[in-house]
């Protein structure tokens, strides 16, 4: 595994990775109108599981007693390839993370490259946090994959999930959904989420979904 040893660089990457995965202060509102669609959970869950490829973009914010940070993100996901790009307000790339069955590669804004066979190991090394990275693509869709417990909303979409990993308790609140066209039908997908663990909060606001399967 290739890991940088420069302390200031590690601290910078620590901030970026905490932002990502707590795998996000938000200004403005999502351009997607809020969903009021009522679904049948088992059928909805199966439809979500059938979505194998997607692209999603928006903004994420990290809030703790020590600092507040905000970035834009673009996440492209498929069963064999996942790529997450973080950018600053003017479009400058902060980092790019690519995951394949062979491992994870991270490219930073200062042209450093980090590799690891297991993304979880790399995230923990850089942030000190045990974060369930592997489940994030499903959680963004509103699937409670590997959650310890979950709750449904009045419209039977995912409202909240809880996950404990290495004695760190995480919960995700699904605060808003939007109706997205997929295979000539309407499917509600999350557009506003809040991740919390202890005194750390990560907010995710999605402004665009693109489904490919």
N, C-alpha and C. Protein backbone atom coordinates (compact mmCIF):
# COMPACT_ATOMS: atom_id res chain seq x y z
N UNK A 1 0.85 -1.20 0.00
CA UNK A 1 0.00 0.00 0.00
C UNK A 1 0.88 1.24 0.00
N UNK A 2 0.56 2.21 -0.79
CA UNK A 2 1.27 3.47 -0.87
C UNK A 2 0.55 4.49 -0.01
N UNK A 3 1.22 4.95 1.10
CA UNK A 3 0.60 5.92 1.99
C UNK A 3 1.57 7.06 2.21
N UNK A 4 1.13 8.29 2.04
CA UNK A 4 1.99 9.43 2.26
C UNK A 4 2.30 9.57 3.74
N UNK A 5 3.45 10.15 4.05
CA UNK A 5 3.86 10.31 5.44
C UNK A 5 3.89 11.76 5.87
N UNK A 6 3.77 12.71 4.94
CA UNK A 6 3.77 14.12 5.29
C UNK A 6 2.58 14.45 6.16
N UNK A 7 2.81 15.00 7.36
CA UNK A 7 1.74 15.21 8.33
C UNK A 7 0.68 16.17 7.83
N UNK A 8 1.09 17.30 7.22
CA UNK A 8 0.10 18.27 6.75
C UNK A 8 -0.74 17.69 5.63
N UNK A 9 -0.13 16.88 4.76
CA UNK A 9 -0.88 16.24 3.68
C UNK A 9 -1.89 15.26 4.24
N UNK A 10 -1.49 14.50 5.27
CA UNK A 10 -2.42 13.57 5.89
C UNK A 10 -3.60 14.28 6.50
N UNK A 11 -3.35 15.43 7.13
CA UNK A 11 -4.43 16.17 7.74
C UNK A 11 -5.39 16.70 6.69
N UNK A 12 -4.84 17.16 5.54
CA UNK A 12 -5.70 17.63 4.46
C UNK A 12 -6.57 16.49 3.94
N UNK A 13 -5.96 15.33 3.71
CA UNK A 13 -6.72 14.19 3.24
C UNK A 13 -7.72 13.72 4.28
N UNK A 14 -7.37 13.85 5.55
CA UNK A 14 -8.30 13.48 6.62
C UNK A 14 -9.59 14.27 6.49
N UNK A 15 -9.46 15.59 6.25
CA UNK A 15 -10.65 16.43 6.10
C UNK A 15 -11.48 15.98 4.91
N UNK A 16 -10.80 15.72 3.77
CA UNK A 16 -11.52 15.30 2.57
C UNK A 16 -12.28 14.00 2.80
N UNK A 17 -11.65 13.03 3.46
CA UNK A 17 -12.29 11.74 3.61
C UNK A 17 -13.40 11.76 4.64
N UNK A 18 -13.25 12.57 5.68
CA UNK A 18 -14.36 12.72 6.62
C UNK A 18 -15.54 13.35 5.90
N UNK A 19 -15.25 14.31 5.03
CA UNK A 19 -16.30 14.92 4.22
C UNK A 19 -17.04 13.86 3.40
N UNK A 20 -16.29 12.92 2.87
CA UNK A 20 -16.88 11.95 1.97
C UNK A 20 -17.78 10.95 2.66
N UNK A 21 -17.26 10.35 3.70
CA UNK A 21 -17.88 9.12 4.16
C UNK A 21 -18.40 9.16 5.57
N UNK A 22 -18.25 10.17 6.15
CA UNK A 22 -18.58 10.11 7.57
C UNK A 22 -18.81 8.78 8.09
N UNK A 23 -19.89 7.16 2.36
CA UNK A 23 -18.81 7.34 1.68
C UNK A 23 -19.54 8.27 2.33
N UNK A 24 -21.29 14.59 4.00
CA UNK A 24 -21.17 15.63 3.07
C UNK A 24 -21.82 16.96 3.47
N UNK A 25 -21.16 23.61 4.39
CA UNK A 25 -22.52 23.98 4.83
C UNK A 25 -23.21 24.25 3.52
N UNK A 26 -24.40 23.69 3.30
CA UNK A 26 -25.01 23.66 2.00
C UNK A 26 -25.67 24.98 1.73
N UNK A 27 -25.48 25.52 0.53
CA UNK A 27 -26.15 26.75 0.14
C UNK A 27 -27.11 26.43 -0.98
N UNK A 28 -28.26 27.11 -0.98
CA UNK A 28 -29.25 26.86 -2.02
C UNK A 28 -30.03 25.60 -1.76
N UNK A 29 -30.97 25.28 -2.63
CA UNK A 29 -31.84 24.13 -2.46
C UNK A 29 -31.71 23.20 -3.66
N UNK A 30 -32.09 21.97 -3.46
CA UNK A 30 -32.09 21.01 -4.55
C UNK A 30 -33.04 21.48 -5.65
N UNK A 31 -32.62 21.26 -6.91
CA UNK A 31 -33.46 21.66 -8.03
C UNK A 31 -34.55 20.63 -8.30
N UNK A 32 -34.51 19.49 -7.61
CA UNK A 32 -35.50 18.44 -7.81
C UNK A 32 -36.67 18.62 -6.87
N UNK A 33 -37.90 18.64 -7.38
CA UNK A 33 -39.08 18.81 -6.51
C UNK A 33 -39.25 17.63 -5.57
N UNK A 34 -39.81 17.89 -4.41
CA UNK A 34 -39.96 16.85 -3.39
C UNK A 34 -41.01 15.83 -3.79
N UNK A 35 -40.71 14.57 -3.55
CA UNK A 35 -41.63 13.48 -3.87
C UNK A 35 -42.69 13.32 -2.79
N UNK A 36 -43.91 13.01 -3.23
CA UNK A 36 -44.98 12.63 -2.31
C UNK A 36 -45.53 11.26 -2.70
N UNK A 37 -44.78 10.54 -3.51
CA UNK A 37 -45.21 9.23 -3.99
C UNK A 37 -45.22 8.21 -2.87
N UNK A 38 -46.32 7.50 -2.76
CA UNK A 38 -46.46 6.44 -1.77
C UNK A 38 -46.12 5.10 -2.44
N UNK A 39 -45.20 4.35 -1.84
CA UNK A 39 -44.75 3.10 -2.44
C UNK A 39 -45.08 1.91 -1.54
N UNK A 40 -45.01 0.73 -2.13
CA UNK A 40 -45.08 -0.51 -1.35
C UNK A 40 -43.64 -0.96 -1.13
N UNK A 41 -43.21 -1.07 0.13
CA UNK A 41 -41.80 -1.19 0.46
C UNK A 41 -41.11 -2.37 -0.24
N UNK A 42 -41.67 -3.55 -0.18
CA UNK A 42 -41.00 -4.71 -0.77
C UNK A 42 -40.80 -4.53 -2.27
N UNK A 43 -41.80 -4.02 -2.96
CA UNK A 43 -41.68 -3.77 -4.40
C UNK A 43 -40.66 -2.67 -4.66
N UNK A 44 -40.71 -1.60 -3.86
CA UNK A 44 -39.77 -0.49 -4.02
C UNK A 44 -38.33 -0.96 -3.77
N UNK A 45 -38.14 -1.77 -2.75
CA UNK A 45 -36.82 -2.29 -2.44
C UNK A 45 -36.27 -3.12 -3.61
N UNK A 46 -37.10 -3.93 -4.22
CA UNK A 46 -36.67 -4.73 -5.37
C UNK A 46 -36.30 -3.84 -6.55
N UNK A 47 -37.07 -2.79 -6.78
CA UNK A 47 -36.76 -1.86 -7.86
C UNK A 47 -35.40 -1.19 -7.64
N UNK A 48 -35.13 -0.79 -6.41
CA UNK A 48 -33.84 -0.17 -6.09
C UNK A 48 -32.70 -1.16 -6.30
N UNK A 49 -32.90 -2.39 -5.93
CA UNK A 49 -31.86 -3.41 -6.10
C UNK A 49 -31.56 -3.67 -7.57
N UNK A 50 -32.51 -3.38 -8.44
CA UNK A 50 -32.31 -3.57 -9.88
C UNK A 50 -31.53 -2.43 -10.53
N UNK A 51 -31.30 -1.35 -9.79
CA UNK A 51 -30.51 -0.23 -10.31
C UNK A 51 -29.04 -0.55 -10.09
N UNK A 52 -28.35 -0.94 -11.13
CA UNK A 52 -26.95 -1.34 -11.00
C UNK A 52 -25.98 -0.23 -11.37
N UNK A 53 -26.40 0.70 -12.21
CA UNK A 53 -25.51 1.78 -12.65
C UNK A 53 -26.21 3.12 -12.46
N UNK A 54 -25.47 4.08 -11.93
CA UNK A 54 -26.04 5.42 -11.78
C UNK A 54 -24.93 6.46 -11.67
N UNK A 55 -25.30 7.70 -11.94
CA UNK A 55 -24.45 8.86 -11.65
C UNK A 55 -25.27 9.80 -10.79
N UNK A 56 -24.63 10.38 -9.80
CA UNK A 56 -25.32 11.29 -8.89
C UNK A 56 -24.38 12.44 -8.57
N UNK A 57 -24.95 13.66 -8.51
CA UNK A 57 -24.13 14.84 -8.21
C UNK A 57 -24.85 15.74 -7.24
N UNK A 58 -24.08 16.57 -6.55
CA UNK A 58 -24.67 17.49 -5.58
C UNK A 58 -23.59 18.12 -4.73
N UNK A 59 -23.98 18.44 -3.49
CA UNK A 59 -23.04 19.06 -2.56
C UNK A 59 -23.05 18.29 -1.25
N UNK A 60 -21.90 18.36 -0.56
CA UNK A 60 -21.81 17.73 0.75
C UNK A 60 -21.15 18.70 1.72
N UNK A 61 -21.50 18.55 2.99
CA UNK A 61 -20.96 19.42 4.03
C UNK A 61 -20.58 18.60 5.25
N UNK A 62 -19.46 18.97 5.83
CA UNK A 62 -18.97 18.32 7.05
C UNK A 62 -18.99 19.34 8.18
N UNK A 63 -19.60 18.97 9.31
CA UNK A 63 -19.75 19.88 10.44
C UNK A 63 -19.30 19.16 11.71
N UNK A 64 -18.34 19.78 12.42
CA UNK A 64 -17.90 19.27 13.71
C UNK A 64 -17.61 20.48 14.60
N UNK A 65 -17.35 20.27 15.90
CA UNK A 65 -17.01 21.42 16.76
C UNK A 65 -15.76 22.16 16.30
N UNK A 66 -14.88 21.46 15.57
CA UNK A 66 -13.62 22.08 15.17
C UNK A 66 -13.67 22.78 13.82
N UNK A 67 -14.51 22.32 12.90
CA UNK A 67 -14.47 22.89 11.55
C UNK A 67 -15.75 22.62 10.79
N UNK A 68 -15.92 23.40 9.70
CA UNK A 68 -17.02 23.23 8.75
C UNK A 68 -16.44 23.33 7.35
N UNK A 69 -16.82 22.40 6.50
CA UNK A 69 -16.30 22.36 5.15
C UNK A 69 -17.43 22.03 4.18
N UNK A 70 -17.29 22.49 2.92
CA UNK A 70 -18.29 22.20 1.90
C UNK A 70 -17.61 21.96 0.55
N UNK A 71 -18.09 20.95 -0.19
CA UNK A 71 -17.56 20.61 -1.50
C UNK A 71 -18.69 20.12 -2.39
N UNK A 72 -18.44 20.17 -3.70
CA UNK A 72 -19.34 19.53 -4.65
C UNK A 72 -18.84 18.11 -4.91
N UNK A 73 -19.76 17.20 -5.29
CA UNK A 73 -19.34 15.84 -5.57
C UNK A 73 -20.05 15.29 -6.81
N UNK A 74 -19.39 14.34 -7.44
CA UNK A 74 -19.97 13.56 -8.54
C UNK A 74 -19.57 12.11 -8.32
N UNK A 75 -20.56 11.23 -8.28
CA UNK A 75 -20.31 9.82 -8.01
C UNK A 75 -20.87 8.99 -9.16
N UNK A 76 -19.98 8.23 -9.79
CA UNK A 76 -20.37 7.32 -10.86
C UNK A 76 -20.19 5.90 -10.35
N UNK A 77 -21.28 5.11 -10.40
CA UNK A 77 -21.21 3.78 -9.78
C UNK A 77 -21.77 2.71 -10.69
N UNK A 78 -21.09 1.56 -10.72
CA UNK A 78 -21.57 0.35 -11.38
C UNK A 78 -21.04 -0.83 -10.56
N UNK A 79 -21.49 -2.06 -10.85
CA UNK A 79 -21.03 -3.19 -10.04
C UNK A 79 -19.52 -3.40 -10.02
N UNK A 80 -18.83 -3.06 -11.10
CA UNK A 80 -17.39 -3.31 -11.17
C UNK A 80 -16.54 -2.05 -11.16
N UNK A 81 -17.16 -0.89 -11.05
CA UNK A 81 -16.41 0.38 -11.13
C UNK A 81 -17.17 1.46 -10.37
N UNK A 82 -16.45 2.15 -9.51
CA UNK A 82 -17.06 3.26 -8.78
C UNK A 82 -16.05 4.40 -8.70
N UNK A 83 -16.48 5.61 -9.07
CA UNK A 83 -15.57 6.75 -9.05
C UNK A 83 -16.25 7.96 -8.43
N UNK A 84 -15.60 8.50 -7.42
CA UNK A 84 -16.11 9.66 -6.71
C UNK A 84 -15.15 10.82 -6.89
N UNK A 85 -15.67 11.96 -7.34
CA UNK A 85 -14.86 13.16 -7.55
C UNK A 85 -15.39 14.28 -6.67
N UNK A 86 -14.48 14.91 -5.93
CA UNK A 86 -14.81 16.08 -5.11
C UNK A 86 -14.20 17.31 -5.73
N UNK A 87 -14.95 18.40 -5.81
CA UNK A 87 -14.45 19.64 -6.39
C UNK A 87 -14.76 20.82 -5.49
N UNK A 88 -13.91 21.85 -5.60
CA UNK A 88 -14.15 23.10 -4.91
C UNK A 88 -15.18 23.92 -5.69
N UNK A 89 -15.53 25.09 -5.14
CA UNK A 89 -16.58 25.92 -5.73
C UNK A 89 -16.31 26.36 -7.16
N UNK A 90 -15.04 26.55 -7.53
CA UNK A 90 -14.70 27.01 -8.87
C UNK A 90 -14.44 25.85 -9.83
N UNK A 91 -14.71 24.64 -9.39
CA UNK A 91 -14.55 23.48 -10.27
C UNK A 91 -13.21 22.79 -10.18
N UNK A 92 -12.32 23.24 -9.31
CA UNK A 92 -11.02 22.59 -9.16
C UNK A 92 -11.19 21.26 -8.43
N UNK A 93 -10.59 20.21 -8.96
CA UNK A 93 -10.72 18.89 -8.35
C UNK A 93 -9.92 18.83 -7.06
N UNK A 94 -10.60 18.45 -5.98
CA UNK A 94 -9.93 18.27 -4.69
C UNK A 94 -9.33 16.87 -4.61
N UNK A 95 -10.10 15.86 -5.00
CA UNK A 95 -9.59 14.50 -5.08
C UNK A 95 -10.52 13.64 -5.91
N UNK A 96 -9.96 12.55 -6.37
CA UNK A 96 -10.73 11.56 -7.14
C UNK A 96 -10.42 10.18 -6.58
N UNK A 97 -11.45 9.42 -6.27
CA UNK A 97 -11.28 8.07 -5.75
C UNK A 97 -11.94 7.08 -6.70
N UNK A 98 -11.17 6.11 -7.17
CA UNK A 98 -11.66 5.09 -8.08
C UNK A 98 -11.53 3.72 -7.43
N UNK A 99 -12.63 2.97 -7.43
CA UNK A 99 -12.64 1.64 -6.82
C UNK A 99 -13.05 0.60 -7.86
N UNK A 100 -12.25 -0.46 -7.97
CA UNK A 100 -12.52 -1.59 -8.84
C UNK A 100 -12.32 -2.87 -8.01
N UNK A 101 -12.62 -4.04 -8.58
CA UNK A 101 -12.35 -5.28 -7.83
C UNK A 101 -10.88 -5.44 -7.45
N UNK A 102 -9.98 -4.76 -8.14
CA UNK A 102 -8.56 -4.87 -7.85
C UNK A 102 -8.13 -3.99 -6.67
N UNK A 103 -8.93 -2.99 -6.31
CA UNK A 103 -8.56 -2.12 -5.21
C UNK A 103 -9.02 -0.69 -5.42
N UNK A 104 -8.49 0.20 -4.60
CA UNK A 104 -8.88 1.61 -4.62
C UNK A 104 -7.67 2.49 -4.92
N UNK A 105 -7.88 3.48 -5.78
CA UNK A 105 -6.84 4.46 -6.13
C UNK A 105 -7.38 5.85 -5.81
N UNK A 106 -6.58 6.64 -5.13
CA UNK A 106 -6.95 8.01 -4.80
C UNK A 106 -5.94 8.97 -5.41
N UNK A 107 -6.43 9.95 -6.16
CA UNK A 107 -5.59 11.00 -6.74
C UNK A 107 -5.97 12.32 -6.09
N UNK A 108 -4.97 13.05 -5.57
CA UNK A 108 -5.24 14.29 -4.86
C UNK A 108 -4.94 15.50 -5.74
N UNK A 109 -5.34 16.66 -5.26
CA UNK A 109 -5.16 17.90 -6.01
C UNK A 109 -3.70 18.26 -6.20
N UNK A 110 -2.82 17.73 -5.33
CA UNK A 110 -1.39 18.02 -5.48
C UNK A 110 -0.65 16.84 -6.12
N UNK A 111 -1.39 16.06 -6.93
CA UNK A 111 -0.82 15.00 -7.77
C UNK A 111 -0.24 13.83 -6.99
N UNK A 112 -0.67 13.64 -5.77
CA UNK A 112 -0.27 12.45 -5.03
C UNK A 112 -1.25 11.32 -5.33
N UNK A 113 -0.72 10.11 -5.35
CA UNK A 113 -1.53 8.92 -5.64
C UNK A 113 -1.39 7.94 -4.48
N UNK A 114 -2.52 7.48 -3.96
CA UNK A 114 -2.55 6.50 -2.89
C UNK A 114 -3.32 5.28 -3.37
N UNK A 115 -2.84 4.11 -2.99
CA UNK A 115 -3.53 2.88 -3.39
C UNK A 115 -3.73 1.98 -2.18
N UNK A 116 -4.78 1.18 -2.23
CA UNK A 116 -5.04 0.20 -1.19
C UNK A 116 -5.94 -0.88 -1.77
N UNK A 117 -5.76 -2.09 -1.30
CA UNK A 117 -6.62 -3.17 -1.75
C UNK A 117 -8.02 -3.03 -1.18
N UNK A 118 -8.10 -2.52 0.05
CA UNK A 118 -9.37 -2.37 0.75
C UNK A 118 -9.61 -0.89 1.02
N UNK A 119 -10.69 -0.33 0.49
CA UNK A 119 -10.99 1.09 0.69
C UNK A 119 -11.21 1.41 2.17
N UNK A 120 -11.81 0.48 2.91
CA UNK A 120 -12.05 0.71 4.34
C UNK A 120 -10.75 0.95 5.09
N UNK A 121 -9.71 0.18 4.76
CA UNK A 121 -8.42 0.33 5.42
C UNK A 121 -7.83 1.71 5.15
N UNK A 122 -7.93 2.14 3.91
CA UNK A 122 -7.38 3.44 3.54
C UNK A 122 -8.13 4.57 4.23
N UNK A 123 -9.45 4.48 4.26
CA UNK A 123 -10.25 5.51 4.92
C UNK A 123 -9.92 5.58 6.40
N UNK A 124 -9.80 4.43 7.05
CA UNK A 124 -9.48 4.43 8.48
C UNK A 124 -8.09 5.00 8.74
N UNK A 125 -7.13 4.67 7.89
CA UNK A 125 -5.76 5.18 8.05
C UNK A 125 -5.73 6.71 7.94
N UNK A 126 -6.51 7.25 7.03
CA UNK A 126 -6.48 8.70 6.78
C UNK A 126 -7.36 9.49 7.72
N UNK A 127 -8.43 8.88 8.22
CA UNK A 127 -9.39 9.65 9.03
C UNK A 127 -9.48 9.21 10.48
N UNK A 128 -9.04 7.98 10.76
CA UNK A 128 -9.21 7.45 12.10
C UNK A 128 -10.63 6.97 12.36
N UNK A 129 -11.48 6.99 11.33
CA UNK A 129 -12.88 6.60 11.49
C UNK A 129 -13.14 5.25 10.83
N UNK A 130 -13.98 4.47 11.47
CA UNK A 130 -14.45 3.21 10.89
C UNK A 130 -15.78 3.50 10.19
N UNK A 131 -15.73 3.64 8.88
CA UNK A 131 -16.91 4.04 8.12
C UNK A 131 -17.28 2.92 7.15
N UNK A 132 -18.55 2.54 7.09
CA UNK A 132 -18.98 1.45 6.20
C UNK A 132 -19.03 1.89 4.74
N UNK A 133 -17.86 2.03 4.14
CA UNK A 133 -17.76 2.57 2.78
C UNK A 133 -18.49 1.69 1.77
N UNK A 134 -18.38 0.39 1.93
CA UNK A 134 -18.93 -0.52 0.92
C UNK A 134 -20.43 -0.39 0.75
N UNK A 135 -21.14 0.02 1.80
CA UNK A 135 -22.59 0.11 1.72
C UNK A 135 -23.09 1.46 1.18
N UNK A 136 -22.19 2.45 1.07
CA UNK A 136 -22.63 3.79 0.70
C UNK A 136 -23.36 3.86 -0.64
N UNK A 137 -22.92 3.15 -1.68
CA UNK A 137 -23.67 3.21 -2.95
C UNK A 137 -25.13 2.78 -2.80
N UNK A 138 -25.38 1.76 -1.99
CA UNK A 138 -26.77 1.34 -1.75
C UNK A 138 -27.50 2.33 -0.87
N UNK A 139 -26.84 2.86 0.14
CA UNK A 139 -27.49 3.80 1.05
C UNK A 139 -27.91 5.08 0.34
N UNK A 140 -27.11 5.51 -0.65
CA UNK A 140 -27.50 6.69 -1.42
C UNK A 140 -28.81 6.45 -2.16
N UNK A 141 -29.04 5.22 -2.59
CA UNK A 141 -30.28 4.89 -3.29
C UNK A 141 -31.48 4.79 -2.35
N UNK A 142 -31.20 4.64 -1.05
CA UNK A 142 -32.29 4.45 -0.10
C UNK A 142 -32.50 2.99 0.25
N UNK A 143 -31.46 2.18 0.09
CA UNK A 143 -31.49 0.77 0.48
C UNK A 143 -30.76 0.58 1.80
N UNK A 144 -31.33 -0.11 2.78
CA UNK A 144 -30.69 -0.27 4.09
C UNK A 144 -29.74 -1.47 4.14
N UNK A 145 -28.91 -1.63 3.13
CA UNK A 145 -28.02 -2.79 3.04
C UNK A 145 -27.08 -2.86 4.24
N UNK A 146 -27.06 -4.00 4.92
CA UNK A 146 -26.19 -4.27 6.07
C UNK A 146 -26.44 -3.35 7.26
N UNK A 147 -27.56 -2.64 7.28
CA UNK A 147 -27.89 -1.79 8.43
C UNK A 147 -28.25 -2.66 9.63
N UNK A 148 -27.97 -2.15 10.84
CA UNK A 148 -28.36 -2.86 12.05
C UNK A 148 -29.87 -2.76 12.28
N UNK A 149 -30.43 -1.61 11.93
CA UNK A 149 -31.88 -1.41 12.02
C UNK A 149 -32.26 -0.28 11.07
N UNK A 150 -33.56 -0.22 10.70
CA UNK A 150 -34.01 0.87 9.84
C UNK A 150 -35.49 1.12 10.08
N UNK A 151 -35.93 2.33 9.68
CA UNK A 151 -37.33 2.72 9.80
C UNK A 151 -37.81 3.25 8.46
N UNK A 152 -39.10 3.07 8.20
CA UNK A 152 -39.71 3.58 6.98
C UNK A 152 -40.52 4.82 7.27
N UNK A 153 -40.71 5.66 6.25
CA UNK A 153 -41.49 6.88 6.36
C UNK A 153 -42.97 6.58 6.16
N UNK A 154 -43.79 7.62 6.25
CA UNK A 154 -45.23 7.46 6.04
C UNK A 154 -45.55 7.03 4.61
N UNK A 155 -44.64 7.34 3.66
CA UNK A 155 -44.83 6.92 2.26
C UNK A 155 -44.09 5.62 1.95
N UNK A 156 -43.52 4.99 2.98
CA UNK A 156 -42.89 3.68 2.89
C UNK A 156 -41.56 3.68 2.15
N UNK A 157 -40.90 4.83 2.09
CA UNK A 157 -39.51 4.88 1.67
C UNK A 157 -38.65 4.86 2.93
N UNK A 158 -37.34 4.67 2.75
CA UNK A 158 -36.44 4.60 3.91
C UNK A 158 -36.37 5.96 4.60
N UNK A 159 -36.60 5.98 5.91
CA UNK A 159 -36.56 7.20 6.70
C UNK A 159 -35.27 7.31 7.50
N UNK A 160 -34.79 6.19 8.04
CA UNK A 160 -33.62 6.22 8.93
C UNK A 160 -32.99 4.84 8.98
N UNK A 161 -31.66 4.81 9.04
CA UNK A 161 -30.98 3.55 9.30
C UNK A 161 -29.87 3.78 10.31
N UNK A 162 -29.52 2.72 11.02
CA UNK A 162 -28.46 2.76 12.04
C UNK A 162 -27.44 1.69 11.73
N UNK A 163 -26.17 2.03 11.97
CA UNK A 163 -25.09 1.08 11.73
C UNK A 163 -23.98 1.29 12.75
N UNK A 164 -23.56 0.21 13.41
CA UNK A 164 -22.43 0.25 14.33
C UNK A 164 -21.25 -0.44 13.68
N UNK A 165 -20.12 0.24 13.63
CA UNK A 165 -18.92 -0.35 13.05
C UNK A 165 -17.74 -0.03 13.96
N UNK A 166 -17.11 -1.05 14.50
CA UNK A 166 -15.99 -0.91 15.44
C UNK A 166 -16.32 0.06 16.58
N UNK A 167 -17.49 -0.12 17.17
CA UNK A 167 -17.96 0.67 18.32
C UNK A 167 -18.27 2.12 17.97
N UNK A 168 -18.31 2.47 16.70
CA UNK A 168 -18.77 3.79 16.27
C UNK A 168 -20.20 3.67 15.78
N UNK A 169 -21.09 4.46 16.38
CA UNK A 169 -22.50 4.42 16.00
C UNK A 169 -22.80 5.48 14.95
N UNK A 170 -23.33 5.05 13.82
CA UNK A 170 -23.72 5.97 12.75
C UNK A 170 -25.22 5.86 12.51
N UNK A 171 -25.85 7.00 12.25
CA UNK A 171 -27.22 6.95 11.76
C UNK A 171 -27.37 7.87 10.56
N UNK A 172 -28.25 7.48 9.65
CA UNK A 172 -28.52 8.27 8.45
C UNK A 172 -30.00 8.60 8.43
N UNK A 173 -30.30 9.88 8.30
CA UNK A 173 -31.67 10.36 8.19
C UNK A 173 -31.94 10.74 6.74
N UNK A 174 -33.02 10.24 6.18
CA UNK A 174 -33.42 10.57 4.81
C UNK A 174 -34.48 11.66 4.89
N UNK A 175 -34.08 12.90 4.56
CA UNK A 175 -34.93 14.06 4.81
C UNK A 175 -35.79 14.47 3.63
N UNK A 176 -35.42 14.03 2.42
CA UNK A 176 -36.21 14.41 1.25
C UNK A 176 -35.95 13.43 0.11
N UNK A 177 -36.99 13.18 -0.68
CA UNK A 177 -36.90 12.35 -1.88
C UNK A 177 -37.42 13.14 -3.07
N UNK A 178 -37.04 12.70 -4.28
CA UNK A 178 -37.59 13.26 -5.52
C UNK A 178 -38.03 12.11 -6.41
N UNK A 179 -39.05 12.36 -7.23
CA UNK A 179 -39.53 11.35 -8.18
C UNK A 179 -38.65 11.35 -9.42
N UNK A 180 -38.02 10.22 -9.71
CA UNK A 180 -37.11 10.07 -10.85
C UNK A 180 -37.71 9.09 -11.85
N UNK A 181 -37.66 9.44 -13.13
CA UNK A 181 -38.14 8.54 -14.18
C UNK A 181 -37.13 7.42 -14.42
N UNK A 182 -37.63 6.19 -14.41
CA UNK A 182 -36.76 5.03 -14.64
C UNK A 182 -37.59 3.91 -15.25
N UNK A 183 -37.20 3.49 -16.46
CA UNK A 183 -37.91 2.42 -17.17
C UNK A 183 -39.40 2.70 -17.27
N UNK A 184 -39.73 3.92 -17.65
CA UNK A 184 -41.12 4.34 -17.87
C UNK A 184 -41.97 4.25 -16.60
N UNK A 185 -41.33 4.45 -15.48
CA UNK A 185 -42.06 4.51 -14.22
C UNK A 185 -41.41 5.55 -13.32
N UNK A 186 -42.11 5.92 -12.26
CA UNK A 186 -41.61 6.89 -11.30
C UNK A 186 -41.08 6.15 -10.08
N UNK A 187 -39.86 6.50 -9.67
CA UNK A 187 -39.28 5.88 -8.48
C UNK A 187 -38.71 6.98 -7.58
N UNK A 188 -39.10 7.04 -6.30
CA UNK A 188 -38.57 8.07 -5.39
C UNK A 188 -37.13 7.73 -4.99
N UNK A 189 -36.23 8.70 -5.15
CA UNK A 189 -34.83 8.54 -4.74
C UNK A 189 -34.44 9.68 -3.81
N UNK A 190 -33.51 9.43 -2.89
CA UNK A 190 -33.12 10.45 -1.91
C UNK A 190 -32.46 11.66 -2.57
N UNK A 191 -32.77 12.84 -2.04
CA UNK A 191 -32.10 14.07 -2.47
C UNK A 191 -31.54 14.87 -1.30
N UNK A 192 -31.85 14.46 -0.08
CA UNK A 192 -31.31 15.14 1.10
C UNK A 192 -31.14 14.13 2.22
N UNK A 193 -29.88 13.99 2.69
CA UNK A 193 -29.55 13.03 3.73
C UNK A 193 -28.70 13.70 4.80
N UNK A 194 -28.75 13.14 5.99
CA UNK A 194 -27.89 13.61 7.09
C UNK A 194 -27.29 12.40 7.79
N UNK A 195 -25.95 12.34 7.83
CA UNK A 195 -25.23 11.29 8.52
C UNK A 195 -24.71 11.84 9.84
N UNK A 196 -24.86 11.08 10.93
CA UNK A 196 -24.43 11.56 12.23
C UNK A 196 -23.70 10.46 13.00
N UNK A 197 -22.62 10.89 13.67
CA UNK A 197 -21.90 10.01 14.57
C UNK A 197 -21.27 10.88 15.65
N UNK A 198 -21.70 10.70 16.90
CA UNK A 198 -21.22 11.51 18.01
C UNK A 198 -21.45 12.98 17.70
N UNK A 199 -20.38 13.82 17.66
CA UNK A 199 -20.54 15.25 17.41
C UNK A 199 -20.22 15.62 15.96
N UNK A 200 -20.19 14.64 15.08
CA UNK A 200 -19.90 14.86 13.66
C UNK A 200 -21.18 14.72 12.84
N UNK A 201 -21.42 15.68 11.95
CA UNK A 201 -22.57 15.63 11.05
C UNK A 201 -22.10 15.80 9.61
N UNK A 202 -22.61 14.97 8.73
CA UNK A 202 -22.33 15.09 7.30
C UNK A 202 -23.66 15.25 6.58
N UNK A 203 -23.81 16.33 5.82
CA UNK A 203 -25.04 16.59 5.08
C UNK A 203 -24.79 16.35 3.59
N UNK A 204 -25.72 15.69 2.95
CA UNK A 204 -25.63 15.43 1.52
C UNK A 204 -26.87 15.99 0.84
N UNK A 205 -26.68 16.81 -0.17
CA UNK A 205 -27.80 17.31 -0.96
C UNK A 205 -27.56 16.98 -2.43
N UNK A 206 -28.46 16.20 -3.00
CA UNK A 206 -28.33 15.72 -4.37
C UNK A 206 -29.18 16.57 -5.30
N UNK A 207 -28.58 17.04 -6.40
CA UNK A 207 -29.34 17.85 -7.35
C UNK A 207 -29.58 17.16 -8.69
N UNK A 208 -28.96 15.97 -8.87
CA UNK A 208 -29.19 15.26 -10.13
C UNK A 208 -28.96 13.76 -9.97
N UNK A 209 -29.92 12.98 -10.45
CA UNK A 209 -29.79 11.53 -10.56
C UNK A 209 -29.83 11.15 -12.04
N UNK A 210 -28.96 10.23 -12.43
CA UNK A 210 -28.98 9.68 -13.78
C UNK A 210 -28.86 8.16 -13.66
N UNK A 211 -29.93 7.44 -14.01
CA UNK A 211 -29.96 5.99 -13.88
C UNK A 211 -29.73 5.34 -15.23
N UNK A 212 -28.86 4.32 -15.25
CA UNK A 212 -28.46 3.70 -16.52
C UNK A 212 -28.94 2.27 -16.68
N UNK A 213 -29.63 1.73 -15.70
CA UNK A 213 -30.06 0.33 -15.85
C UNK A 213 -31.38 0.12 -15.15
